[in-house]
Every structure is written in structure tokens, then in C-alpha cells.
C-alpha atoms as a PDB file:
ATOM      1  CA  MET A   1      17.564  67.367  67.813  1.00  0.00           C
ATOM      2  CA  THR A   2      20.157  65.762  70.363  1.00  0.00           C
ATOM      3  CA  LYS A   3      20.351  66.842  74.077  1.00  0.00           C
ATOM      4  CA  SER A   4      23.489  67.378  76.468  1.00  0.00           C
ATOM      5  CA  LEU A   5      23.718  64.539  79.013  1.00  0.00           C
ATOM      6  CA  LEU A   6      24.306  67.518  81.357  1.00  0.00           C
ATOM      7  CA  SER A   7      21.430  69.528  80.671  1.00  0.00           C
ATOM      8  CA  ARG A   8      18.156  69.446  82.721  1.00  0.00           C
ATOM      9  CA  ASP A   9      16.235  66.274  80.831  1.00  0.00           C
ATOM     10  CA  GLY A  10      19.775  64.630  80.736  1.00  0.00           C
ATOM     11  CA  ALA A  11      19.616  65.269  84.344  1.00  0.00           C
ATOM     12  CA  SER A  12      16.480  64.464  85.711  1.00  0.00           C
ATOM     13  CA  SER A  13      16.898  61.668  82.722  1.00  0.00           C
ATOM     14  CA  ILE A  14      20.030  60.366  85.327  1.00  0.00           C
ATOM     15  CA  PHE A  15      18.282  61.119  88.797  1.00  0.00           C
ATOM     16  CA  LEU A  16      15.469  59.205  87.388  1.00  0.00           C
ATOM     17  CA  ALA A  17      17.691  55.519  86.832  1.00  0.00           C
ATOM     18  CA  VAL A  18      19.248  56.128  90.017  1.00  0.00           C
ATOM     19  CA  MET A  19      16.214  56.235  91.921  1.00  0.00           C
ATOM     20  CA  THR A  20      14.777  53.596  90.402  1.00  0.00           C
ATOM     21  CA  VAL A  21      18.000  50.891  90.584  1.00  0.00           C
ATOM     22  CA  CYS A  22      18.231  52.203  94.281  1.00  0.00           C
ATOM     23  CA  LEU A  23      15.184  52.589  95.937  1.00  0.00           C
ATOM     24  CA  PRO A  24      14.110  48.807  95.338  1.00  0.00           C
ATOM     25  CA  LEU A  25      18.129  47.600  96.411  1.00  0.00           C
ATOM     26  CA  ALA A  26      17.509  49.533  99.550  1.00  0.00           C
ATOM     27  CA  VAL A  27      13.715  48.431 100.510  1.00  0.00           C
ATOM     28  CA  VAL A  28      15.120  44.709  99.287  1.00  0.00           C
ATOM     29  CA  GLY A  29      18.526  45.066 101.455  1.00  0.00           C
ATOM     30  CA  GLN A  30      16.742  45.942 104.118  1.00  0.00           C
ATOM     31  CA  LEU A  31      14.256  43.436 104.542  1.00  0.00           C
ATOM     32  CA  VAL A  32      17.128  40.828 104.149  1.00  0.00           C
ATOM     33  CA  ASP A  33      18.280  42.395 107.084  1.00  0.00           C
ATOM     34  CA  ILE A  34      15.531  42.867 109.029  1.00  0.00           C
ATOM     35  CA  PHE A  35      15.453  38.544 108.538  1.00  0.00           C
ATOM     36  CA  LEU A  36      19.071  38.170 109.716  1.00  0.00           C
ATOM     37  CA  HIS A  37      19.715  37.714 112.778  1.00  0.00           C
ATOM     38  CA  ARG A  38      23.550  37.791 113.471  1.00  0.00           C
ATOM     39  CA  GLY A  39      26.469  38.097 111.623  1.00  0.00           C
ATOM     40  CA  THR A  40      29.123  40.085 109.577  1.00  0.00           C
ATOM     41  CA  VAL A  41      26.517  39.871 106.369  1.00  0.00           C
ATOM     42  CA  ARG A  42      23.595  41.418 107.966  1.00  0.00           C
ATOM     43  CA  TYR A  43      25.477  44.361 109.425  1.00  0.00           C
ATOM     44  CA  ASP A  44      27.274  44.343 105.607  1.00  0.00           C
ATOM     45  CA  LEU A  45      23.711  44.373 103.908  1.00  0.00           C
ATOM     46  CA  GLY A  46      22.120  46.605 106.287  1.00  0.00           C
ATOM     47  CA  THR A  47      25.250  49.624 105.377  1.00  0.00           C
ATOM     48  CA  ALA A  48      25.301  49.033 101.472  1.00  0.00           C
ATOM     49  CA  SER A  49      20.620  48.552 102.290  1.00  0.00           C
ATOM     50  CA  ASP A  50      21.314  52.280 103.890  1.00  0.00           C
ATOM     51  CA  VAL A  51      24.396  53.650 101.465  1.00  0.00           C
ATOM     52  CA  PHE A  52      21.394  52.905  98.659  1.00  0.00           C
ATOM     53  CA  GLY A  53      18.842  54.533 100.550  1.00  0.00           C
ATOM     54  CA  TRP A  54      20.887  57.777 101.447  1.00  0.00           C
ATOM     55  CA  LEU A  55      21.733  57.551  97.145  1.00  0.00           C
ATOM     56  CA  PHE A  56      17.947  57.467  96.691  1.00  0.00           C
ATOM     57  CA  THR A  57      16.840  60.604  98.593  1.00  0.00           C
ATOM     58  CA  ALA A  58      20.028  62.935  97.346  1.00  0.00           C
ATOM     59  CA  ALA A  59      18.609  61.778  94.210  1.00  0.00           C
ATOM     60  CA  PHE A  60      15.263  62.342  94.743  1.00  0.00           C
ATOM     61  CA  VAL A  61      16.011  66.121  96.017  1.00  0.00           C
ATOM     62  CA  LEU A  62      18.397  66.851  93.771  1.00  0.00           C
ATOM     63  CA  THR A  63      15.484  66.570  91.080  1.00  0.00           C
ATOM     64  CA  MET A  64      12.653  68.326  93.045  1.00  0.00           C
ATOM     65  CA  LEU A  65      15.219  71.635  92.877  1.00  0.00           C
ATOM     66  CA  LEU A  66      15.573  71.062  89.490  1.00  0.00           C
ATOM     67  CA  THR A  67      12.670  70.882  88.928  1.00  0.00           C
ATOM     68  CA  ILE A  68      11.514  73.888  91.579  1.00  0.00           C
ATOM     69  CA  PHE A  69      14.271  75.615  89.642  1.00  0.00           C
ATOM     70  CA  VAL A  70      12.920  75.668  86.303  1.00  0.00           C
ATOM     71  CA  GLU A  71       9.386  75.999  87.065  1.00  0.00           C
ATOM     72  CA  GLU A  72      10.553  79.133  88.729  1.00  0.00           C
ATOM     73  CA  ARG A  73      12.525  80.351  85.461  1.00  0.00           C
ATOM     74  CA  THR A  74      10.177  79.395  83.148  1.00  0.00           C
ATOM     75  CA  ALA A  75       7.275  81.741  85.983  1.00  0.00           C
ATOM     76  CA  ARG A  76       8.957  84.814  86.123  1.00  0.00           C
ATOM     77  CA  ALA A  77       9.610  84.572  81.893  1.00  0.00           C
ATOM     78  CA  LYS A  78       6.054  84.708  81.460  1.00  0.00           C
ATOM     79  CA  ALA A  79       5.655  87.390  84.151  1.00  0.00           C
ATOM     80  CA  ARG A  80       8.508  89.634  81.894  1.00  0.00           C
END
């Protein structure tokens, strides 16, 4: 049985992959940013790290909302 990439399972898999990539990049970027004391590389790295942090947050929230939607829909179907 093939599933569409835009199905709920496909979307959850994409969000999981985004979270798996973005969290380590955000953490490592912030750690390097802390240890660098000056220079433009520090600011660029800090900004990139912040972007990866926000991408992780967006993927996490979207996954949570998708899960809530699916569970609520399942609960309403069982109640009928």
C-alpha cells in the first residue's frame, strides 16, 4: 500500500526529519556562538542557529497540532 507524501503519516515523517536535522544544528551553532568572542562569523553563526531553532519549533508545533487533530477526529468517530 503506497501512501501519498502529503498524507498525515507523510507529513509527520517530514516534520520528524526536519526536527532531527534542526535541533542538533541549533544546539551546536549556539555552543560555538558562545565560545567565539568576536567577529562577524559569530553573529552569522548565531543567526543561522536561531533560524534552525525556529524551524525546529515550527515543525514541533505543526506535528503536535496534526496529532491533536487526528486524535480528536478518531475520538469523535468512536463516539458516534
